[in-house]
Amino acid sequence: ANGDAFDQIEKRLASSPAKNSNTQEPPQDQLQSLINLYTQGQYKEALTQASQLLEQFPNSMNLYNISGAASQSLGKLDEAVEAYTKAISINPDYAEAYYNMGNALKEQGKLDEAIAAFNKAISVKPNYGDAYYNVGVLLQGLGKLDEAIGAFNKAVSINPDYARAYNNMGSALENQGKLDEAIG
């Protein structure tokens, strides 16, 4: 899971409630405590606390997302995907959960499913540069260089300082024999 996703949870908590009225979230201080545990690498503790809070807040998309991230960090990829799926079932417009699911599926070697999850994150949040980048990486690995370059281009159009996207785009262009473009 990505640290940016947790920054986005914090932003979401500070802003308006989720569109889905079935969402019920724990108080911000409890979510922040979980985020702190996660960012400090205390994944088992974060997962335990999230599970306990889910008994009180069974429709918390953020708790499921944090549970997924903690499970993923512990190498429990099936559990992570299941948690992200639950978060998405609560809020089908939860781009960060699709993104995190894409990362878990990528770790499982389910590349087509990972691309689909990243693309769903993009459909929900069109300016999701990291999702475009990950699609590009996966497409590049599958040898679909034109599509990968397109994804990297989109990532850098969203974030002009995205060094990794430029690097991978250069590599893809080099693999196509387009050395002048790769250098430029």
Protein backbone atom coordinates (compact mmCIF):
# COMPACT_ATOMS: atom_id res chain seq x y z
CA ALA A 1 0.00 0.00 0.00
CA ASN A 2 1.01 3.51 -0.56
CA GLY A 3 1.67 6.17 2.06
CA ASP A 4 -0.10 8.62 -0.23
CA ALA A 5 -3.29 6.62 0.25
CA PHE A 6 -3.14 7.34 3.95
CA ASP A 7 -2.56 11.02 3.29
CA GLN A 8 -5.68 10.89 1.16
CA ILE A 9 -7.62 9.21 3.96
CA GLU A 10 -6.61 12.08 6.22
CA LYS A 11 -7.77 14.59 3.61
CA ARG A 12 -11.03 12.69 3.17
CA LEU A 13 -11.59 12.77 6.93
CA ALA A 14 -11.09 16.50 7.00
CA SER A 15 -13.47 17.06 4.10
CA SER A 16 -17.08 16.14 3.49
CA PRO A 17 -18.37 12.65 4.27
CA ALA A 18 -18.36 9.96 1.59
CA LYS A 19 -21.09 9.96 -1.03
CA ASN A 20 -22.41 6.59 0.09
CA SER A 21 -24.78 6.93 3.03
CA ASN A 22 -23.95 3.39 4.20
CA THR A 23 -20.50 4.57 5.23
CA GLN A 24 -19.92 4.91 8.92
CA GLU A 25 -16.49 5.93 10.06
CA PRO A 26 -14.88 5.87 13.49
CA PRO A 27 -13.81 9.16 15.04
CA GLN A 28 -10.87 10.83 13.34
CA ASP A 29 -8.55 10.30 16.31
CA GLN A 30 -9.08 6.53 16.12
CA LEU A 31 -8.38 6.45 12.39
CA GLN A 32 -5.33 8.63 12.90
CA SER A 33 -4.08 6.20 15.55
CA LEU A 34 -4.38 3.35 13.03
CA ILE A 35 -2.63 5.36 10.36
CA ASN A 36 0.18 6.10 12.81
CA LEU A 37 0.57 2.41 13.66
CA TYR A 38 0.70 1.56 9.98
CA THR A 39 3.22 4.25 9.07
CA GLN A 40 5.42 3.14 11.99
CA GLY A 41 5.48 -0.39 10.57
CA GLN A 42 3.31 -1.85 13.33
CA TYR A 43 1.15 -3.77 10.86
CA LYS A 44 -0.10 -6.51 13.20
CA GLU A 45 -1.22 -3.93 15.76
CA ALA A 46 -2.89 -1.84 13.06
CA LEU A 47 -4.70 -4.90 11.75
CA THR A 48 -5.81 -5.95 15.23
CA GLN A 49 -7.13 -2.49 16.07
CA ALA A 50 -8.84 -2.14 12.70
CA SER A 51 -10.55 -5.51 13.19
CA GLN A 52 -11.78 -4.43 16.61
CA LEU A 53 -13.08 -1.14 15.24
CA LEU A 54 -14.83 -2.92 12.37
CA GLU A 55 -17.02 -4.63 14.97
CA GLN A 56 -18.32 -1.16 15.90
CA PHE A 57 -18.14 0.34 12.40
CA PRO A 58 -18.84 -2.52 9.96
CA ASN A 59 -19.40 -0.11 7.07
CA SER A 60 -16.16 1.84 7.35
CA MET A 61 -14.45 2.00 3.99
CA ASN A 62 -11.37 3.54 5.61
CA LEU A 63 -11.04 0.74 8.17
CA TYR A 64 -11.23 -1.86 5.39
CA ASN A 65 -8.64 0.06 3.38
CA ILE A 66 -6.29 0.22 6.37
CA SER A 67 -6.93 -3.48 7.07
CA GLY A 68 -6.05 -4.24 3.49
CA ALA A 69 -2.86 -2.22 3.65
CA ALA A 70 -1.78 -3.86 6.90
CA SER A 71 -2.60 -7.33 5.56
CA GLN A 72 -0.68 -6.58 2.38
CA SER A 73 2.34 -5.41 4.37
CA LEU A 74 2.22 -8.68 6.29
CA GLY A 75 2.19 -10.64 3.02
CA LYS A 76 -1.45 -11.69 3.44
CA LEU A 77 -2.40 -10.73 -0.10
CA ASP A 78 -5.69 -12.64 -0.35
CA GLU A 79 -6.88 -10.98 2.86
CA ALA A 80 -5.74 -7.60 1.54
CA VAL A 81 -7.71 -7.99 -1.71
CA GLU A 82 -10.75 -9.10 0.29
CA ALA A 83 -10.51 -6.01 2.52
CA TYR A 84 -10.14 -3.67 -0.46
CA THR A 85 -13.13 -5.37 -2.10
CA LYS A 86 -15.21 -4.67 1.02
CA ALA A 87 -14.10 -1.03 1.04
CA ILE A 88 -15.16 -0.72 -2.60
CA SER A 89 -18.50 -2.42 -1.93
CA ILE A 90 -19.20 0.29 0.66
CA ASN A 91 -18.09 3.08 -1.67
CA PRO A 92 -17.72 2.13 -5.34
CA ASP A 93 -16.01 5.49 -5.95
CA TYR A 94 -13.12 4.80 -3.55
CA ALA A 95 -10.19 5.29 -5.94
CA GLU A 96 -7.54 4.65 -3.28
CA ALA A 97 -8.96 1.20 -2.52
CA TYR A 98 -8.87 0.28 -6.22
CA TYR A 99 -5.30 1.56 -6.35
CA ASN A 100 -4.25 -0.44 -3.30
CA MET A 101 -6.03 -3.51 -4.67
CA GLY A 102 -4.07 -3.09 -7.89
CA ASN A 103 -0.83 -3.18 -5.93
CA ALA A 104 -1.88 -6.34 -4.06
CA LEU A 105 -2.95 -8.04 -7.29
CA LYS A 106 0.36 -7.03 -8.87
CA GLU A 107 2.20 -8.71 -5.97
CA GLN A 108 0.12 -11.84 -6.58
CA GLY A 109 1.19 -11.85 -10.22
CA LYS A 110 -2.37 -11.17 -11.41
CA LEU A 111 -1.24 -8.51 -13.84
CA ASP A 112 -4.40 -8.18 -15.96
CA GLU A 113 -6.52 -7.87 -12.82
CA ALA A 114 -4.06 -5.34 -11.41
CA ILE A 115 -4.27 -3.24 -14.58
CA ALA A 116 -8.07 -3.39 -14.39
CA ALA A 117 -7.99 -2.21 -10.75
CA PHE A 118 -5.63 0.67 -11.57
CA ASN A 119 -7.82 1.61 -14.54
CA LYS A 120 -10.88 1.61 -12.28
CA ALA A 121 -9.03 3.95 -9.89
CA ILE A 122 -8.31 6.19 -12.89
CA SER A 123 -11.95 6.12 -14.02
CA VAL A 124 -13.00 7.28 -10.55
CA LYS A 125 -10.14 9.78 -10.19
CA PRO A 126 -8.93 10.82 -13.67
CA ASN A 127 -5.87 12.69 -12.39
CA TYR A 128 -4.45 9.73 -10.43
CA GLY A 129 -0.84 9.95 -11.66
CA ASP A 130 0.42 7.04 -9.55
CA ALA A 131 -2.25 4.75 -11.02
CA TYR A 132 -1.21 5.73 -14.57
CA TYR A 133 2.41 5.09 -13.60
CA ASN A 134 1.61 1.61 -12.28
CA VAL A 135 -0.40 0.78 -15.40
CA GLY A 136 2.62 1.86 -17.42
CA VAL A 137 4.98 -0.34 -15.41
CA LEU A 138 2.74 -3.38 -15.84
CA LEU A 139 2.21 -2.77 -19.56
CA GLN A 140 5.95 -2.28 -20.00
CA GLY A 141 6.57 -5.60 -18.28
CA LEU A 142 4.07 -7.24 -20.63
CA GLY A 143 5.93 -5.80 -23.62
CA LYS A 144 3.10 -3.41 -24.56
CA LEU A 145 5.47 -0.51 -24.98
CA ASP A 146 3.23 1.91 -26.91
CA GLU A 147 0.50 1.58 -24.28
CA ALA A 148 3.08 1.87 -21.47
CA ILE A 149 4.50 5.05 -22.97
CA GLY A 150 0.98 6.46 -23.18
CA ALA A 151 0.41 5.73 -19.49
CA PHE A 152 3.76 7.27 -18.51
CA ASN A 153 2.95 10.34 -20.61
CA LYS A 154 -0.35 10.72 -18.79
CA ALA A 155 1.42 10.35 -15.40
CA VAL A 156 3.92 13.11 -16.25
CA SER A 157 1.20 15.35 -17.68
CA ILE A 158 -0.47 15.15 -14.25
CA ASN A 159 2.80 15.46 -12.33
CA PRO A 160 5.55 17.10 -14.41
CA ASP A 161 8.15 16.24 -11.73
CA TYR A 162 7.44 12.47 -11.83
CA ALA A 163 11.04 11.26 -12.24
CA ARG A 164 10.23 7.53 -12.12
CA ALA A 165 7.66 7.93 -14.89
CA TYR A 166 10.19 9.77 -17.07
CA ASN A 167 12.79 7.10 -16.35
CA ASN A 168 10.47 4.24 -17.28
CA MET A 169 9.24 6.09 -20.35
CA GLY A 170 12.84 6.55 -21.45
CA SER A 171 13.49 2.86 -20.95
CA ALA A 172 10.40 1.91 -22.98
CA LEU A 173 11.43 4.27 -25.78
CA GLU A 174 14.95 2.82 -25.72
CA ASN A 175 13.48 -0.69 -26.02
CA GLN A 176 11.60 0.51 -29.10
CA GLY A 177 14.85 1.80 -30.59
CA LYS A 178 13.72 5.42 -30.27
CA LEU A 179 16.97 6.62 -28.75
CA ASP A 180 16.56 10.33 -29.58
CA GLU A 181 13.15 10.38 -27.90
CA ALA A 182 14.49 8.42 -24.94
CA ILE A 183 17.27 10.95 -24.41
CA GLY A 184 14.97 13.96 -24.86
